Amino acid sequence: MQDLKHYNRPVPRYTSYPTVPFWKPEDFTIQAYEKTLQSAFWESSKEVSIYIHLPFCESLCTYCACNTRITKNHQVEDPYIDHVLKEWALYLEHLPEKPLIREIHLGGGTPTFFAPENLDRLLSGIIGKASLSKDFQMSFEGHPANTTAKHLETLNRIGFNRVSFGIQDFDLNVQKLINRMQSFEQVKSITEKAREIGYTSVNYDMVYGLPGQTHESIENTLQQVITLKPERIAYYSYAHVPALRPAQKSYESQLPDEDAKWDFNQLGKEAFTNAGYEEIGMDHFVLPGDELLTAREERELHRNFMGYTPFTSKLLVGLGVSAISDSWSGFAQNEKSIQTYYEILDKGELPIVRGHIHTKEDLFFRKHILNLMCEFETSWHETEFMEHGVALNYELLDQLQDEGLVVYDSEGMRVTNRGRQVIRVICSALDARMTKTKREAQFSKAI
């Protein structure tokens, strides 16, 4: 792993392509986006995935780069729900027929900031105006310190059977530095309660590279996580972007150095593999029998703004402040200010403030970057390659191939087992917009 350190450079995480800094909002119009929306609706057989952004948190986790609103005032819940339901009603006006909901994911912020009865009202309002697909899935992000049995019971009754808990690290010193407090006992208790109620999949989010982390503290956290045997684990590299998140400046002197971060990355992969987990795509580990493994074998694994999913979604509707919608041929992002979001919706308009309509070249590279992220290989027709291949970063590709990390030619590309360690860097070689502009400084490092 150490001999790959020269690839530890700033690159996107490729939850989308083009990545947000490379969108062309000046070429975007709501009318053009509506056309892509309707096209994706029919291509997906009327199925829609829904992401709902619930931004409120009672305290700021200083490591977090999400769009959040910090408050202890729970009176904010009702007006926010009212406006998300308004937004959904507007989307329904733009869709040609009643949609089938394939997937719902509640993210944040802290979804469990909301009272269980308010989450019930929100979700009943969403589902009540649509139909559920036969194989629908529902999941939510929960904070172990404030997710209650009532939250779990209410959401499970609606149809939720997947929950993701943000663990990050069990070390008390690290938790204090990032202002994210939850004990091992709290996590163990809420995990057991979720399984008792009927949740079939529990995911833990972990982050390495946080301030105060050491080899010993990471090992201890990994051992504790493995004893609870979550069905899925996401093991993310901490993204240090103080220019965007000033709170991160408070602990810069206590961040582990690059060598330590590489060590933490390897520690996690070895611990999960030894415990029987299989690696899925980038940063994700699952137990045998997980449907993500089946999806990978059947070449159905997909990745979007919500993470890895076992089916390809052509239409993702993002509801709430800052949420991003994806119609495959275009992206649209909502207003980030809650008050302005309300004002736009009160005028009867979708709160979309910027977006991107894909060019033919964008769609080519989006497809192949997604394939690499999900399957570590992709193939293209020679005619496609002749048309768009000129935009590849051949200098980087040749270097990657010389070092045994990829194999590529005019018919496609395959990432070797060793190359999977730097998959973000490999995908950047197919990022035509980054190649043309070289704006690497806007992204966090690969490891």
Protein backbone atom coordinates (compact mmCIF):
# COMPACT_ATOMS: atom_id res chain seq x y z
CA MET A 1 0.00 0.00 0.00
CA GLN A 2 2.83 2.38 0.90
CA ASP A 3 4.18 2.31 -2.66
CA LEU A 4 0.90 3.84 -3.86
CA LYS A 5 1.27 6.93 -1.67
CA HIS A 6 2.16 9.09 -4.66
CA TYR A 7 -1.46 8.65 -5.78
CA ASN A 8 -2.80 10.24 -2.60
CA ARG A 9 -3.90 13.37 -4.42
CA PRO A 10 -7.09 15.51 -4.36
CA VAL A 11 -9.77 13.84 -6.49
CA PRO A 12 -13.60 13.70 -6.45
CA ARG A 13 -15.51 10.88 -4.73
CA TYR A 14 -17.57 10.38 -7.90
CA THR A 15 -21.01 10.06 -6.37
CA SER A 16 -21.94 11.71 -9.67
CA TYR A 17 -20.43 12.70 -12.97
CA PRO A 18 -19.82 15.47 -13.70
CA THR A 19 -19.04 16.29 -10.07
CA VAL A 20 -20.77 19.40 -8.72
CA PRO A 21 -17.83 21.85 -9.18
CA PHE A 22 -17.80 21.03 -12.90
CA TRP A 23 -21.50 21.58 -13.57
CA LYS A 24 -22.42 24.19 -16.18
CA PRO A 25 -25.29 26.06 -14.47
CA GLU A 26 -25.19 28.76 -17.13
CA ASP A 27 -26.46 26.18 -19.66
CA PHE A 28 -29.16 24.83 -17.31
CA THR A 29 -32.86 25.66 -17.49
CA ILE A 30 -35.81 24.24 -15.55
CA GLN A 31 -37.55 23.53 -18.86
CA ALA A 32 -34.65 21.45 -20.15
CA TYR A 33 -34.49 19.58 -16.85
CA GLU A 34 -38.23 18.83 -16.93
CA LYS A 35 -37.73 17.11 -20.30
CA THR A 36 -35.02 14.87 -18.86
CA LEU A 37 -37.25 14.19 -15.85
CA GLN A 38 -40.08 12.89 -17.99
CA SER A 39 -37.75 10.87 -20.19
CA ALA A 40 -36.19 9.19 -17.14
CA PHE A 41 -39.67 8.49 -15.75
CA TRP A 42 -40.57 6.33 -18.75
CA GLU A 43 -37.10 4.75 -19.00
CA SER A 44 -37.41 3.63 -15.38
CA SER A 45 -40.90 2.18 -15.96
CA LYS A 46 -42.40 4.90 -13.75
CA GLU A 47 -40.20 3.94 -10.79
CA VAL A 48 -38.76 6.76 -8.69
CA SER A 49 -36.13 6.76 -5.95
CA ILE A 50 -36.61 9.50 -3.36
CA TYR A 51 -33.99 11.12 -1.16
CA ILE A 52 -35.32 13.41 1.58
CA HIS A 53 -32.84 15.79 3.19
CA LEU A 54 -33.65 16.58 6.83
CA PRO A 55 -31.01 19.16 7.77
CA PHE A 56 -31.56 19.81 11.48
CA CYS A 57 -29.08 18.78 14.18
CA GLU A 58 -29.03 19.74 17.85
CA SER A 59 -25.23 20.16 17.79
CA LEU A 60 -22.53 20.56 15.16
CA CYS A 61 -20.28 17.59 14.42
CA THR A 62 -17.19 19.55 13.43
CA TYR A 63 -15.90 16.95 10.95
CA CYS A 64 -19.16 16.97 8.97
CA ALA A 65 -19.33 18.48 5.48
CA CYS A 66 -23.11 18.04 5.02
CA ASN A 67 -25.59 20.91 4.71
CA THR A 68 -26.96 21.23 8.25
CA ARG A 69 -28.89 23.65 10.43
CA ILE A 70 -28.01 23.59 14.13
CA THR A 71 -30.90 24.21 16.53
CA LYS A 72 -32.54 22.81 19.65
CA ASN A 73 -35.88 24.34 18.65
CA HIS A 74 -38.10 21.49 17.52
CA GLN A 75 -40.81 23.92 16.40
CA VAL A 76 -38.96 23.91 13.07
CA GLU A 77 -40.22 20.40 12.30
CA ASP A 78 -43.78 21.16 11.16
CA PRO A 79 -43.06 23.99 8.69
CA TYR A 80 -40.21 22.00 7.18
CA ILE A 81 -42.42 18.96 6.62
CA ASP A 82 -45.16 21.17 5.17
CA HIS A 83 -42.76 22.53 2.58
CA VAL A 84 -41.22 19.17 1.64
CA LEU A 85 -44.76 17.91 0.98
CA LYS A 86 -45.39 21.02 -1.14
CA GLU A 87 -42.27 20.21 -3.14
CA TRP A 88 -43.38 16.62 -3.69
CA ALA A 89 -46.80 17.83 -4.88
CA LEU A 90 -45.06 20.08 -7.43
CA TYR A 91 -42.96 17.17 -8.69
CA LEU A 92 -46.09 15.10 -9.14
CA GLU A 93 -47.48 17.84 -11.38
CA HIS A 94 -44.40 17.50 -13.60
CA LEU A 95 -44.55 13.70 -13.88
CA PRO A 96 -46.84 12.31 -16.61
CA GLU A 97 -48.40 9.64 -14.39
CA LYS A 98 -48.59 8.50 -10.78
CA PRO A 99 -45.11 7.20 -9.88
CA LEU A 100 -44.04 3.94 -8.31
CA ILE A 101 -41.74 4.51 -5.36
CA ARG A 102 -38.78 2.13 -5.61
CA GLU A 103 -36.70 3.56 -2.79
CA ILE A 104 -36.86 6.15 -0.02
CA HIS A 105 -33.85 7.29 1.96
CA LEU A 106 -33.91 9.80 4.81
CA GLY A 107 -30.62 11.65 5.17
CA GLY A 108 -29.35 14.74 6.90
CA GLY A 109 -28.56 16.42 9.10
CA THR A 110 -30.16 14.13 11.64
CA PRO A 111 -33.44 12.53 10.51
CA THR A 112 -34.05 11.33 14.05
CA PHE A 113 -34.06 14.98 15.17
CA PHE A 114 -37.70 14.80 14.03
CA ALA A 115 -40.31 13.30 16.35
CA PRO A 116 -41.57 9.86 15.25
CA GLU A 117 -45.10 11.20 14.66
CA ASN A 118 -43.72 13.94 12.41
CA LEU A 119 -41.71 11.45 10.36
CA ASP A 120 -44.95 9.45 10.06
CA ARG A 121 -46.78 12.53 8.74
CA LEU A 122 -44.00 13.30 6.27
CA LEU A 123 -43.76 9.79 4.87
CA SER A 124 -47.51 9.22 4.78
CA GLY A 125 -47.79 12.41 2.72
CA ILE A 126 -45.12 11.20 0.29
CA ILE A 127 -46.34 7.62 -0.08
CA GLY A 128 -50.03 8.51 -0.05
CA LYS A 129 -49.74 10.35 -3.37
CA ALA A 130 -47.90 7.55 -5.14
CA SER A 131 -47.75 3.76 -5.22
CA LEU A 132 -45.07 1.49 -3.84
CA SER A 133 -43.08 -0.68 -6.22
CA LYS A 134 -43.25 -4.41 -5.59
CA ASP A 135 -39.62 -4.53 -4.39
CA PHE A 136 -39.45 -1.16 -2.65
CA GLN A 137 -36.72 -0.38 -0.11
CA MET A 138 -36.67 2.22 2.64
CA SER A 139 -33.71 3.26 4.78
CA PHE A 140 -32.73 6.08 7.11
CA GLU A 141 -29.72 7.56 8.86
CA GLY A 142 -29.96 7.52 12.64
CA HIS A 143 -27.85 9.10 15.36
CA PRO A 144 -27.23 6.39 17.99
CA ALA A 145 -27.59 8.96 20.78
CA ASN A 146 -31.09 10.13 19.85
CA THR A 147 -32.71 7.32 17.86
CA THR A 148 -35.44 5.84 20.05
CA ALA A 149 -37.40 2.62 19.95
CA LYS A 150 -40.38 4.74 18.91
CA HIS A 151 -38.45 6.03 15.88
CA LEU A 152 -37.55 2.48 14.89
CA GLU A 153 -41.08 1.14 15.41
CA THR A 154 -42.78 3.99 13.53
CA LEU A 155 -40.49 3.77 10.51
CA ASN A 156 -40.58 -0.03 10.43
CA ARG A 157 -44.39 0.04 10.39
CA ILE A 158 -44.22 2.31 7.32
CA GLY A 159 -41.87 -0.09 5.53
CA PHE A 160 -38.33 0.75 6.64
CA ASN A 161 -36.09 -2.26 7.27
CA ARG A 162 -32.64 -0.69 6.81
CA VAL A 163 -30.93 1.75 9.15
CA SER A 164 -27.51 3.38 9.03
CA PHE A 165 -25.87 4.59 12.24
CA GLY A 166 -23.03 7.11 12.20
CA ILE A 167 -20.36 5.57 14.43
CA GLN A 168 -17.25 7.38 13.16
CA ASP A 169 -15.07 6.33 16.15
CA PHE A 170 -15.65 4.97 19.67
CA ASP A 171 -12.58 6.67 21.17
CA LEU A 172 -13.71 9.28 23.72
CA ASN A 173 -10.92 11.74 22.89
CA VAL A 174 -11.75 11.60 19.16
CA GLN A 175 -15.45 12.04 19.90
CA LYS A 176 -14.74 15.15 21.97
CA LEU A 177 -12.58 16.65 19.22
CA ILE A 178 -15.28 16.18 16.57
CA ASN A 179 -18.17 16.92 18.98
CA ARG A 180 -19.88 13.61 18.20
CA MET A 181 -20.69 11.73 21.37
CA GLN A 182 -22.16 8.23 21.49
CA SER A 183 -20.96 5.32 23.60
CA PHE A 184 -20.41 1.73 22.56
CA GLU A 185 -23.26 0.77 24.91
CA GLN A 186 -25.66 3.17 23.17
CA VAL A 187 -24.76 1.77 19.76
CA LYS A 188 -25.05 -1.82 20.97
CA SER A 189 -28.44 -1.13 22.57
CA ILE A 190 -30.00 0.62 19.56
CA THR A 191 -28.60 -2.01 17.17
CA GLU A 192 -30.15 -4.82 19.21
CA LYS A 193 -33.45 -2.91 19.42
CA ALA A 194 -33.51 -2.41 15.63
CA ARG A 195 -33.03 -6.13 15.03
CA GLU A 196 -35.64 -6.99 17.63
CA ILE A 197 -38.18 -4.73 15.88
CA GLY A 198 -37.49 -6.28 12.47
CA TYR A 199 -34.71 -4.38 10.72
CA THR A 200 -32.89 -6.83 8.49
CA SER A 201 -29.89 -4.63 7.67
CA VAL A 202 -27.89 -2.38 9.99
CA ASN A 203 -25.08 -0.28 8.50
CA TYR A 204 -22.34 1.50 10.43
CA ASP A 205 -20.60 4.55 9.00
CA MET A 206 -16.99 4.88 10.15
CA VAL A 207 -14.43 7.56 9.35
CA TYR A 208 -10.63 7.25 9.46
CA GLY A 209 -8.24 10.18 9.45
CA LEU A 210 -10.10 12.08 12.19
CA PRO A 211 -8.23 14.24 14.72
CA GLY A 212 -6.79 12.35 17.66
CA GLN A 213 -6.98 8.93 16.00
CA THR A 214 -4.05 6.57 16.54
CA HIS A 215 -3.20 3.05 15.41
CA GLU A 216 -4.37 1.74 18.78
CA SER A 217 -7.61 3.73 18.87
CA ILE A 218 -8.53 2.61 15.35
CA GLU A 219 -7.82 -1.02 16.23
CA ASN A 220 -10.02 -0.77 19.32
CA THR A 221 -12.90 0.80 17.39
CA LEU A 222 -12.64 -1.82 14.63
CA GLN A 223 -12.76 -4.65 17.19
CA GLN A 224 -15.80 -3.14 18.90
CA VAL A 225 -17.64 -2.66 15.61
CA ILE A 226 -16.96 -6.22 14.50
CA THR A 227 -18.34 -7.65 17.76
CA LEU A 228 -21.71 -6.05 16.89
CA LYS A 229 -21.57 -7.57 13.37
CA PRO A 230 -23.46 -4.96 11.35
CA GLU A 231 -24.62 -6.29 7.99
CA ARG A 232 -22.87 -3.43 6.18
CA ILE A 233 -19.99 -1.10 7.00
CA ALA A 234 -18.99 2.07 5.18
CA TYR A 235 -15.36 2.97 5.99
CA TYR A 236 -14.78 6.49 4.72
CA SER A 237 -11.68 8.62 4.47
CA TYR A 238 -12.12 11.89 6.36
CA ALA A 239 -12.47 14.79 3.93
CA HIS A 240 -10.54 17.80 5.21
CA VAL A 241 -11.95 20.85 3.43
CA PRO A 242 -11.58 23.74 5.91
CA ALA A 243 -12.15 26.32 3.18
CA LEU A 244 -15.70 24.96 2.89
CA ARG A 245 -16.16 23.90 6.54
CA PRO A 246 -14.35 26.41 8.81
CA ALA A 247 -15.13 24.35 11.94
CA GLN A 248 -12.53 21.84 10.73
CA LYS A 249 -9.79 24.39 11.40
CA SER A 250 -10.26 23.91 15.16
CA TYR A 251 -8.32 20.63 15.23
CA GLU A 252 -5.94 20.84 12.26
CA SER A 253 -2.88 20.37 14.47
CA GLN A 254 -4.27 17.05 15.74
CA LEU A 255 -4.98 15.40 12.40
CA PRO A 256 -2.99 12.20 11.70
CA ASP A 257 -0.31 12.54 9.06
CA GLU A 258 -0.46 10.92 5.65
CA ASP A 259 1.47 7.80 6.68
CA ALA A 260 -0.88 7.21 9.61
CA LYS A 261 -3.94 7.62 7.40
CA TRP A 262 -2.63 5.01 4.97
CA ASP A 263 -2.07 2.73 7.95
CA PHE A 264 -5.66 3.27 9.17
CA ASN A 265 -7.01 2.47 5.71
CA GLN A 266 -5.15 -0.83 5.63
CA LEU A 267 -6.12 -1.69 9.21
CA GLY A 268 -9.80 -1.39 8.36
CA LYS A 269 -9.66 -3.43 5.18
CA GLU A 270 -7.74 -6.24 6.88
CA ALA A 271 -10.02 -6.26 9.94
CA PHE A 272 -13.20 -6.46 7.89
CA THR A 273 -11.82 -9.11 5.53
CA ASN A 274 -10.63 -11.24 8.45
CA ALA A 275 -14.09 -10.93 10.01
CA GLY A 276 -15.74 -12.34 6.89
CA TYR A 277 -16.84 -9.15 5.16
CA GLU A 278 -16.52 -8.71 1.40
CA GLU A 279 -15.54 -5.40 -0.16
CA ILE A 280 -18.12 -3.79 -2.45
CA GLY A 281 -17.01 -1.01 -4.75
CA MET A 282 -15.25 1.76 -2.87
CA ASP A 283 -15.29 2.05 0.95
CA HIS A 284 -18.10 -0.47 1.51
CA PHE A 285 -18.04 -3.91 3.15
CA VAL A 286 -20.90 -6.42 3.46
CA LEU A 287 -21.47 -9.83 4.97
CA PRO A 288 -21.94 -12.86 2.66
CA GLY A 289 -25.48 -13.13 1.30
CA ASP A 290 -26.02 -9.37 1.10
CA GLU A 291 -28.05 -8.30 -1.93
CA LEU A 292 -25.30 -5.87 -2.95
CA LEU A 293 -23.11 -8.91 -3.63
CA THR A 294 -25.86 -10.47 -5.73
CA ALA A 295 -26.31 -7.20 -7.61
CA ARG A 296 -22.59 -7.05 -8.34
CA GLU A 297 -22.61 -10.62 -9.66
CA GLU A 298 -25.60 -9.80 -11.87
CA ARG A 299 -24.00 -6.50 -12.97
CA GLU A 300 -26.89 -4.53 -11.46
CA LEU A 301 -24.93 -2.71 -8.76
CA HIS A 302 -25.51 1.04 -8.94
CA ARG A 303 -24.12 4.10 -7.17
CA ASN A 304 -25.78 7.46 -6.71
CA PHE A 305 -25.93 10.32 -4.20
CA MET A 306 -27.31 7.88 -1.61
CA GLY A 307 -24.47 5.37 -2.00
CA TYR A 308 -24.47 1.84 -3.44
CA THR A 309 -27.84 0.29 -4.29
CA PRO A 310 -28.76 -3.14 -5.73
CA PHE A 311 -30.63 -1.74 -8.72
CA THR A 312 -30.06 0.88 -11.39
CA SER A 313 -32.19 3.95 -10.85
CA LYS A 314 -32.70 6.31 -13.77
CA LEU A 315 -34.72 8.80 -11.71
CA LEU A 316 -33.81 10.06 -8.26
CA VAL A 317 -35.90 12.89 -6.84
CA GLY A 318 -34.21 14.88 -4.08
CA LEU A 319 -36.56 16.68 -1.69
CA GLY A 320 -35.59 19.28 0.92
CA VAL A 321 -32.95 22.00 1.14
CA SER A 322 -29.79 21.39 -0.89
CA ALA A 323 -31.06 17.99 -2.13
CA ILE A 324 -29.91 16.94 -5.60
CA SER A 325 -32.18 15.22 -8.13
CA ASP A 326 -30.78 12.98 -10.86
CA SER A 327 -32.64 12.26 -14.10
CA TRP A 328 -29.62 10.45 -15.58
CA SER A 329 -29.37 13.10 -18.31
CA GLY A 330 -29.30 15.96 -15.86
CA PHE A 331 -28.84 17.08 -12.26
CA ALA A 332 -30.82 19.70 -10.34
CA GLN A 333 -29.97 21.06 -6.88
CA ASN A 334 -32.32 22.76 -4.45
CA GLU A 335 -31.81 26.03 -2.62
CA LYS A 336 -29.54 25.64 0.42
CA SER A 337 -31.10 28.34 2.62
CA ILE A 338 -34.15 27.05 4.49
CA GLN A 339 -35.92 30.42 4.47
CA THR A 340 -35.36 30.94 0.74
CA TYR A 341 -36.41 27.32 0.10
CA TYR A 342 -39.71 28.13 1.84
CA GLU A 343 -40.20 31.36 -0.09
CA ILE A 344 -39.73 29.70 -3.48
CA LEU A 345 -42.15 26.90 -2.64
CA ASP A 346 -44.72 29.38 -1.30
CA LYS A 347 -44.72 30.93 -4.78
CA GLY A 348 -45.66 27.54 -6.24
CA GLU A 349 -42.26 26.93 -7.84
CA LEU A 350 -39.78 24.07 -7.57
CA PRO A 351 -36.90 25.25 -5.35
CA ILE A 352 -34.24 24.32 -7.92
CA VAL A 353 -31.50 26.95 -8.10
CA ARG A 354 -28.84 25.31 -10.24
CA GLY A 355 -28.17 22.19 -12.25
CA HIS A 356 -26.45 20.58 -15.17
CA ILE A 357 -27.71 19.05 -18.43
CA HIS A 358 -25.36 16.33 -19.65
CA THR A 359 -23.64 16.50 -23.00
CA LYS A 360 -23.12 13.37 -25.07
CA GLU A 361 -19.53 13.30 -23.80
CA ASP A 362 -20.72 13.60 -20.18
CA LEU A 363 -23.00 10.58 -20.60
CA PHE A 364 -20.16 8.54 -22.08
CA PHE A 365 -17.82 9.22 -19.17
CA ARG A 366 -20.59 9.00 -16.57
CA LYS A 367 -21.41 5.47 -17.70
CA HIS A 368 -17.82 4.26 -17.60
CA ILE A 369 -16.86 5.94 -14.31
CA LEU A 370 -19.96 4.36 -12.75
CA ASN A 371 -18.95 0.95 -14.12
CA LEU A 372 -15.48 1.31 -12.63
CA MET A 373 -16.91 2.36 -9.27
CA CYS A 374 -19.28 -0.63 -9.18
CA GLU A 375 -17.54 -3.40 -11.13
CA PHE A 376 -13.91 -2.25 -11.49
CA GLU A 377 -14.14 -2.75 -15.24
CA THR A 378 -15.91 -1.28 -18.23
CA SER A 379 -16.02 -1.75 -21.98
CA TRP A 380 -16.76 0.60 -24.84
CA HIS A 381 -17.34 0.37 -28.57
CA GLU A 382 -14.38 1.40 -30.68
CA THR A 383 -16.50 4.07 -32.40
CA GLU A 384 -17.36 5.61 -28.99
CA PHE A 385 -13.74 5.50 -28.02
CA MET A 386 -12.70 7.24 -31.21
CA GLU A 387 -15.27 9.98 -30.62
CA HIS A 388 -14.68 10.68 -26.91
CA GLY A 389 -11.39 8.98 -26.05
CA VAL A 390 -9.39 12.06 -26.93
CA ALA A 391 -10.52 13.57 -23.60
CA LEU A 392 -8.89 10.82 -21.51
CA ASN A 393 -5.88 11.67 -19.37
CA TYR A 394 -3.45 9.40 -21.23
CA GLU A 395 -0.42 10.49 -19.24
CA LEU A 396 -2.08 9.28 -16.03
CA LEU A 397 -3.55 6.17 -17.67
CA ASP A 398 -0.19 5.08 -19.04
CA GLN A 399 1.41 5.59 -15.63
CA LEU A 400 -1.36 3.54 -13.97
CA GLN A 401 -0.94 0.78 -16.55
CA ASP A 402 2.86 0.76 -16.24
CA GLU A 403 2.47 0.26 -12.47
CA GLY A 404 0.04 -2.64 -12.92
CA LEU A 405 -3.02 -0.81 -11.59
CA VAL A 406 -5.15 -0.90 -14.76
CA VAL A 407 -5.26 -2.57 -18.13
CA TYR A 408 -6.85 -0.50 -20.89
CA ASP A 409 -7.15 -0.38 -24.67
CA SER A 410 -9.60 0.78 -27.33
CA GLU A 411 -12.17 -1.78 -26.12
CA GLY A 412 -12.28 -0.97 -22.42
CA MET A 413 -10.55 -0.90 -19.07
CA ARG A 414 -10.05 -3.26 -16.13
CA VAL A 415 -8.82 -2.29 -12.67
CA THR A 416 -6.46 -4.81 -11.08
CA ASN A 417 -6.86 -5.91 -7.45
CA ARG A 418 -3.98 -3.66 -6.48
CA GLY A 419 -5.46 -0.77 -8.42
CA ARG A 420 -8.70 -0.89 -6.43
CA GLN A 421 -6.87 0.89 -3.61
CA VAL A 422 -6.77 4.06 -5.73
CA ILE A 423 -10.04 3.74 -7.66
CA ARG A 424 -10.85 7.45 -7.26
CA VAL A 425 -7.58 8.38 -8.96
CA ILE A 426 -8.24 5.88 -11.75
CA CYS A 427 -11.70 7.35 -12.34
CA SER A 428 -10.16 10.81 -12.52
CA ALA A 429 -8.28 9.66 -15.63
CA LEU A 430 -11.71 9.38 -17.28
CA ASP A 431 -12.86 12.74 -15.94
CA ALA A 432 -12.77 14.88 -19.06
CA ARG A 433 -13.84 18.02 -17.19
CA MET A 434 -11.06 17.70 -14.60
CA THR A 435 -8.50 16.99 -17.33
CA LYS A 436 -9.48 20.20 -19.09
CA THR A 437 -9.58 22.47 -16.05
CA LYS A 438 -7.21 20.89 -13.50
CA ARG A 439 -9.14 22.17 -10.45
CA GLU A 440 -7.95 19.43 -8.08
CA ALA A 441 -7.67 21.76 -5.07
CA GLN A 442 -11.46 21.68 -4.57
CA PHE A 443 -11.42 18.02 -3.53
CA SER A 444 -10.19 15.95 -0.61
CA LYS A 445 -7.33 13.48 -1.03
CA ALA A 446 -7.91 9.93 -2.27
CA ILE A 447 -6.93 8.35 1.07
